[in-house]
C-alpha atoms as a PDB file:
ATOM      1  CA  MET A   1     -16.794  44.122  45.595  1.00  0.00           C
ATOM      2  CA  ILE A   2     -18.408  43.442  42.248  1.00  0.00           C
ATOM      3  CA  PRO A   3     -21.437  41.062  42.335  1.00  0.00           C
ATOM      4  CA  GLY A   4     -20.621  37.594  41.017  1.00  0.00           C
ATOM      5  CA  LYS A   5     -16.882  37.913  41.662  1.00  0.00           C
ATOM      6  CA  ALA A   6     -14.721  36.012  44.153  1.00  0.00           C
ATOM      7  CA  ILE A   7     -11.667  37.265  45.997  1.00  0.00           C
ATOM      8  CA  LEU A   8      -9.240  35.287  48.149  1.00  0.00           C
ATOM      9  CA  THR A   9      -8.269  37.505  51.039  1.00  0.00           C
ATOM     10  CA  LEU A  10      -4.940  37.479  52.867  1.00  0.00           C
ATOM     11  CA  ALA A  11      -6.632  35.818  55.820  1.00  0.00           C
ATOM     12  CA  GLY A  12      -7.413  32.826  53.607  1.00  0.00           C
ATOM     13  CA  VAL A  13     -11.162  33.519  53.497  1.00  0.00           C
ATOM     14  CA  LEU A  14     -12.971  33.332  50.204  1.00  0.00           C
ATOM     15  CA  ALA A  15     -15.720  35.920  49.858  1.00  0.00           C
ATOM     16  CA  VAL A  16     -18.202  35.350  47.054  1.00  0.00           C
ATOM     17  CA  THR A  17     -21.028  37.642  46.071  1.00  0.00           C
ATOM     18  CA  ALA A  18     -24.164  36.386  44.436  1.00  0.00           C
ATOM     19  CA  GLY A  19     -26.313  39.392  43.647  1.00  0.00           C
ATOM     20  CA  ALA A  20     -26.854  41.175  46.953  1.00  0.00           C
ATOM     21  CA  SER A  21     -26.016  38.091  49.072  1.00  0.00           C
ATOM     22  CA  TRP A  22     -22.590  37.351  50.543  1.00  0.00           C
ATOM     23  CA  PHE A  23     -21.252  33.872  51.153  1.00  0.00           C
ATOM     24  CA  MET A  24     -18.106  33.233  53.179  1.00  0.00           C
ATOM     25  CA  PHE A  25     -15.976  30.106  52.891  1.00  0.00           C
ATOM     26  CA  ARG A  26     -12.886  29.228  54.884  1.00  0.00           C
ATOM     27  CA  GLU A  27     -10.014  27.317  53.368  1.00  0.00           C
ATOM     28  CA  VAL A  28      -9.869  23.958  55.108  1.00  0.00           C
ATOM     29  CA  PRO A  29      -6.730  21.820  54.832  1.00  0.00           C
ATOM     30  CA  ASP A  30      -7.351  18.585  52.971  1.00  0.00           C
ATOM     31  CA  PRO A  31      -6.702  15.721  55.437  1.00  0.00           C
ATOM     32  CA  ALA A  32      -5.725  13.482  52.516  1.00  0.00           C
ATOM     33  CA  LEU A  33      -2.705  15.663  51.746  1.00  0.00           C
ATOM     34  CA  PRO A  34       0.544  14.989  53.574  1.00  0.00           C
ATOM     35  CA  ARG A  35       1.254  17.437  56.403  1.00  0.00           C
ATOM     36  CA  ALA A  36       4.313  19.675  56.439  1.00  0.00           C
ATOM     37  CA  ALA A  37       6.888  18.992  59.112  1.00  0.00           C
ATOM     38  CA  PRO A  38       7.846  22.021  61.194  1.00  0.00           C
ATOM     39  CA  PRO A  39      11.091  23.703  60.125  1.00  0.00           C
ATOM     40  CA  GLY A  40      14.148  21.907  61.450  1.00  0.00           C
ATOM     41  CA  ALA A  41      12.144  18.860  62.554  1.00  0.00           C
ATOM     42  CA  VAL A  42      12.497  15.763  60.433  1.00  0.00           C
ATOM     43  CA  GLU A  43      10.654  13.159  62.444  1.00  0.00           C
ATOM     44  CA  ILE A  44       9.485  10.675  59.874  1.00  0.00           C
ATOM     45  CA  ALA A  45       7.636   7.535  60.803  1.00  0.00           C
ATOM     46  CA  ALA A  46       8.461   4.521  58.653  1.00  0.00           C
ATOM     47  CA  GLY A  47       6.002   4.179  55.796  1.00  0.00           C
ATOM     48  CA  ASP A  48       4.781   7.792  55.923  1.00  0.00           C
ATOM     49  CA  VAL A  49       4.761  10.168  52.975  1.00  0.00           C
ATOM     50  CA  VAL A  50       6.270  13.505  54.022  1.00  0.00           C
ATOM     51  CA  ARG A  51       5.024  16.840  52.719  1.00  0.00           C
ATOM     52  CA  LEU A  52       8.195  18.545  51.548  1.00  0.00           C
ATOM     53  CA  THR A  53       8.600  22.305  51.447  1.00  0.00           C
ATOM     54  CA  SER A  54      11.510  24.658  50.910  1.00  0.00           C
ATOM     55  CA  ARG A  55      11.742  24.849  54.716  1.00  0.00           C
ATOM     56  CA  ASN A  56      12.318  21.129  55.328  1.00  0.00           C
ATOM     57  CA  PHE A  57      13.693  19.859  52.013  1.00  0.00           C
ATOM     58  CA  ALA A  58      17.391  20.190  52.938  1.00  0.00           C
ATOM     59  CA  ASP A  59      16.818  18.510  56.304  1.00  0.00           C
ATOM     60  CA  VAL A  60      15.165  15.514  54.655  1.00  0.00           C
ATOM     61  CA  GLN A  61      17.972  15.273  52.097  1.00  0.00           C
ATOM     62  CA  ALA A  62      20.535  15.257  54.930  1.00  0.00           C
ATOM     63  CA  ALA A  63      18.827  12.360  56.742  1.00  0.00           C
ATOM     64  CA  GLY A  64      21.302   9.836  55.256  1.00  0.00           C
ATOM     65  CA  LYS A  65      18.710   7.708  53.434  1.00  0.00           C
ATOM     66  CA  PRO A  66      17.637   7.516  49.795  1.00  0.00           C
ATOM     67  CA  VAL A  67      14.760   9.923  49.141  1.00  0.00           C
ATOM     68  CA  LEU A  68      11.955   9.611  46.598  1.00  0.00           C
ATOM     69  CA  VAL A  69      10.324  12.969  45.839  1.00  0.00           C
ATOM     70  CA  ASP A  70       7.029  13.179  43.959  1.00  0.00           C
ATOM     71  CA  PHE A  71       6.543  16.617  42.347  1.00  0.00           C
ATOM     72  CA  TRP A  72       2.775  16.919  41.885  1.00  0.00           C
ATOM     73  CA  ALA A  73      -0.261  19.235  41.918  1.00  0.00           C
ATOM     74  CA  PRO A  74      -3.777  18.582  43.236  1.00  0.00           C
ATOM     75  CA  TRP A  75      -5.421  19.473  39.902  1.00  0.00           C
ATOM     76  CA  CYS A  76      -3.275  16.987  37.928  1.00  0.00           C
ATOM     77  CA  GLY A  77      -5.108  13.767  36.995  1.00  0.00           C
ATOM     78  CA  PRO A  78      -1.986  11.615  36.499  1.00  0.00           C
ATOM     79  CA  CYS A  79      -0.659  12.954  39.839  1.00  0.00           C
ATOM     80  CA  ARG A  80      -3.792  11.689  41.573  1.00  0.00           C
ATOM     81  CA  THR A  81      -3.166   8.301  39.961  1.00  0.00           C
ATOM     82  CA  GLN A  82       0.481   8.330  41.099  1.00  0.00           C
ATOM     83  CA  GLY A  83      -0.400   9.348  44.695  1.00  0.00           C
ATOM     84  CA  PRO A  84      -1.575   5.939  45.973  1.00  0.00           C
ATOM     85  CA  ILE A  85       1.397   4.301  44.239  1.00  0.00           C
ATOM     86  CA  VAL A  86       3.765   6.633  46.106  1.00  0.00           C
ATOM     87  CA  GLU A  87       2.013   5.703  49.372  1.00  0.00           C
ATOM     88  CA  GLN A  88       2.543   1.993  48.579  1.00  0.00           C
ATOM     89  CA  VAL A  89       6.235   2.663  47.948  1.00  0.00           C
ATOM     90  CA  ALA A  90       6.528   4.429  51.322  1.00  0.00           C
ATOM     91  CA  ALA A  91       4.842   1.510  53.095  1.00  0.00           C
ATOM     92  CA  GLN A  92       6.957  -1.058  51.266  1.00  0.00           C
ATOM     93  CA  MET A  93      10.285   0.716  51.859  1.00  0.00           C
ATOM     94  CA  GLY A  94       9.577   1.338  55.554  1.00  0.00           C
ATOM     95  CA  ASP A  95      12.464   3.064  57.298  1.00  0.00           C
ATOM     96  CA  SER A  96      15.046   2.204  54.622  1.00  0.00           C
ATOM     97  CA  ALA A  97      14.056   5.264  52.535  1.00  0.00           C
ATOM     98  CA  ILE A  98      12.176   8.553  52.812  1.00  0.00           C
ATOM     99  CA  VAL A  99       9.252   9.232  50.496  1.00  0.00           C
ATOM    100  CA  GLY A 100       7.974  12.779  50.117  1.00  0.00           C
ATOM    101  CA  LYS A 101       5.749  14.969  47.976  1.00  0.00           C
ATOM    102  CA  VAL A 102       6.279  18.520  46.744  1.00  0.00           C
ATOM    103  CA  ASN A 103       3.207  20.470  45.636  1.00  0.00           C
ATOM    104  CA  VAL A 104       4.576  22.430  42.656  1.00  0.00           C
ATOM    105  CA  ASP A 105       1.871  25.092  42.994  1.00  0.00           C
ATOM    106  CA  GLU A 106       3.069  25.907  46.514  1.00  0.00           C
ATOM    107  CA  GLU A 107       6.807  25.245  46.019  1.00  0.00           C
ATOM    108  CA  ARG A 108       7.639  26.630  42.589  1.00  0.00           C
ATOM    109  CA  ASP A 109      11.261  27.335  43.535  1.00  0.00           C
ATOM    110  CA  LEU A 110      11.896  23.677  44.426  1.00  0.00           C
ATOM    111  CA  ALA A 111      10.330  22.536  41.165  1.00  0.00           C
ATOM    112  CA  ARG A 112      12.455  25.041  39.238  1.00  0.00           C
ATOM    113  CA  GLN A 113      15.602  24.018  41.136  1.00  0.00           C
ATOM    114  CA  PHE A 114      15.250  20.427  39.899  1.00  0.00           C
ATOM    115  CA  GLY A 115      14.085  21.272  36.381  1.00  0.00           C
ATOM    116  CA  VAL A 116      10.543  19.945  36.771  1.00  0.00           C
ATOM    117  CA  ARG A 117       8.723  20.755  33.540  1.00  0.00           C
ATOM    118  CA  ALA A 118       5.941  18.141  33.632  1.00  0.00           C
ATOM    119  CA  ILE A 119       4.086  16.454  36.455  1.00  0.00           C
ATOM    120  CA  PRO A 120       4.118  14.002  37.978  1.00  0.00           C
ATOM    121  CA  THR A 121       7.910  14.001  38.113  1.00  0.00           C
ATOM    122  CA  LEU A 122       9.532  11.638  40.591  1.00  0.00           C
ATOM    123  CA  ILE A 123      13.195  11.998  41.526  1.00  0.00           C
ATOM    124  CA  VAL A 124      15.273   9.595  43.601  1.00  0.00           C
ATOM    125  CA  PHE A 125      18.043  11.301  45.581  1.00  0.00           C
ATOM    126  CA  LYS A 126      21.123   9.756  47.160  1.00  0.00           C
ATOM    127  CA  ALA A 127      23.135  11.903  49.592  1.00  0.00           C
ATOM    128  CA  GLY A 128      21.188  14.947  48.385  1.00  0.00           C
ATOM    129  CA  ALA A 129      22.030  14.441  44.700  1.00  0.00           C
ATOM    130  CA  PRO A 130      19.463  13.408  42.055  1.00  0.00           C
ATOM    131  CA  MET A 131      20.116   9.825  40.889  1.00  0.00           C
ATOM    132  CA  THR A 132      17.067   8.810  38.843  1.00  0.00           C
ATOM    133  CA  GLN A 133      14.160  10.776  37.396  1.00  0.00           C
ATOM    134  CA  PHE A 134      10.768   9.515  36.219  1.00  0.00           C
ATOM    135  CA  VAL A 135       8.160  11.577  34.377  1.00  0.00           C
ATOM    136  CA  GLY A 136       4.568  10.379  34.266  1.00  0.00           C
ATOM    137  CA  VAL A 137       2.887   7.572  36.183  1.00  0.00           C
ATOM    138  CA  HIS A 138       5.212   4.721  37.195  1.00  0.00           C
ATOM    139  CA  PRO A 139       4.502   1.459  39.046  1.00  0.00           C
ATOM    140  CA  VAL A 140       5.652   0.530  42.548  1.00  0.00           C
ATOM    141  CA  ALA A 141       8.278  -1.890  41.181  1.00  0.00           C
ATOM    142  CA  ASP A 142      10.083   0.836  39.190  1.00  0.00           C
ATOM    143  CA  LEU A 143      10.204   3.215  42.141  1.00  0.00           C
ATOM    144  CA  THR A 144      11.284   0.659  44.750  1.00  0.00           C
ATOM    145  CA  ALA A 145      14.000  -0.632  42.400  1.00  0.00           C
ATOM    146  CA  ALA A 146      15.346   2.895  41.957  1.00  0.00           C
ATOM    147  CA  LEU A 147      15.332   3.424  45.738  1.00  0.00           C
ATOM    148  CA  ALA A 148      17.068   0.080  46.317  1.00  0.00           C
ATOM    149  CA  LYS A 149      19.732   1.021  43.767  1.00  0.00           C
ATOM    150  CA  ALA A 150      20.312   4.329  45.602  1.00  0.00           C
ATOM    151  CA  GLN A 151      21.063   2.584  48.916  1.00  0.00           C
END
């Protein structure tokens, strides 16, 4: 390894050299990020924001409720502004709708499938079909109105 360089190994360990010294860091999941549901399991508590992946996306869409999906990335400033708003929407809608987030860095195929070109992009789905799309930061009222219209 070249001094001063960093490599992310397959085991998820970051090795950094600083001169002759080695420092090891482990990737730790951010507890603030929504957790992924196991494949095939769509147990969603009312008011929770679900971490959506290509493994559980179809199951969530088939749940028979309107779905709000926030396409975002952790490095995106406007996405970090939209995050708490999305959480408020989930709490306000309760069990009448599903609210989820797709990290576009981890789920590029999902973002491509729905034509996401800028983030944050929020899409409201009804019966698995996109109904309304928002790009940029939007208030709770806009998102809850779109979800109510999709019911």
